[in-house]
Amino acid sequence: DSKLMQNIQDTISLIAGQRAVVTKAKKSEAGFKIREGMPVGVKVTLRSNKMWNFLQKLIYIALPKVKDFRGLSRNGFDGRGNYNFGLDEQLMFPEVDYDNIMKTHGMNITIVTSSDSDKEAFKLLELLGFPFAKGRS
């Protein structure tokens, strides 16, 4: 549905502070009823000040609003110093107005660091204030 995709694109753009780009299917997949070229999601790449603003908003405003939040998983590192995690819905961000949402949707967030190891990346993100779950790293 193009209206739903536009609504999602607008919501992600509002959250990120930068226009989101619609991603399209590279090939058809009958099991998912997707044809090549169909819009399947949106993405935004943040750098510099917009990235820092988003991270502050995520760490200090959005994540504390998550019900029963016990911290981010320590298992989201990819072996190359990057961290991936998912959020179940977009309503935790202050810019999102519930009345303007057609459907709640989740999002995957990837934090790309200049570190080469997961251990260094974990320490960097921890020092930046990422609320990791208690336990072994």
Foldseek 3Di string as FASTA:
>chain_A
DVVQQVLQQVLVCQLLVHGKAFDFACADDVVVRHHGGHGDHIDDDDDDPSVVVNVCQVQPQQQVVDPPRQFDELPQDDFQLKGKDKDAFSVSGPRDDPVSHPDTGMDMDMGDDPGRGSVVSVVVVVVVRGGHHDDDD
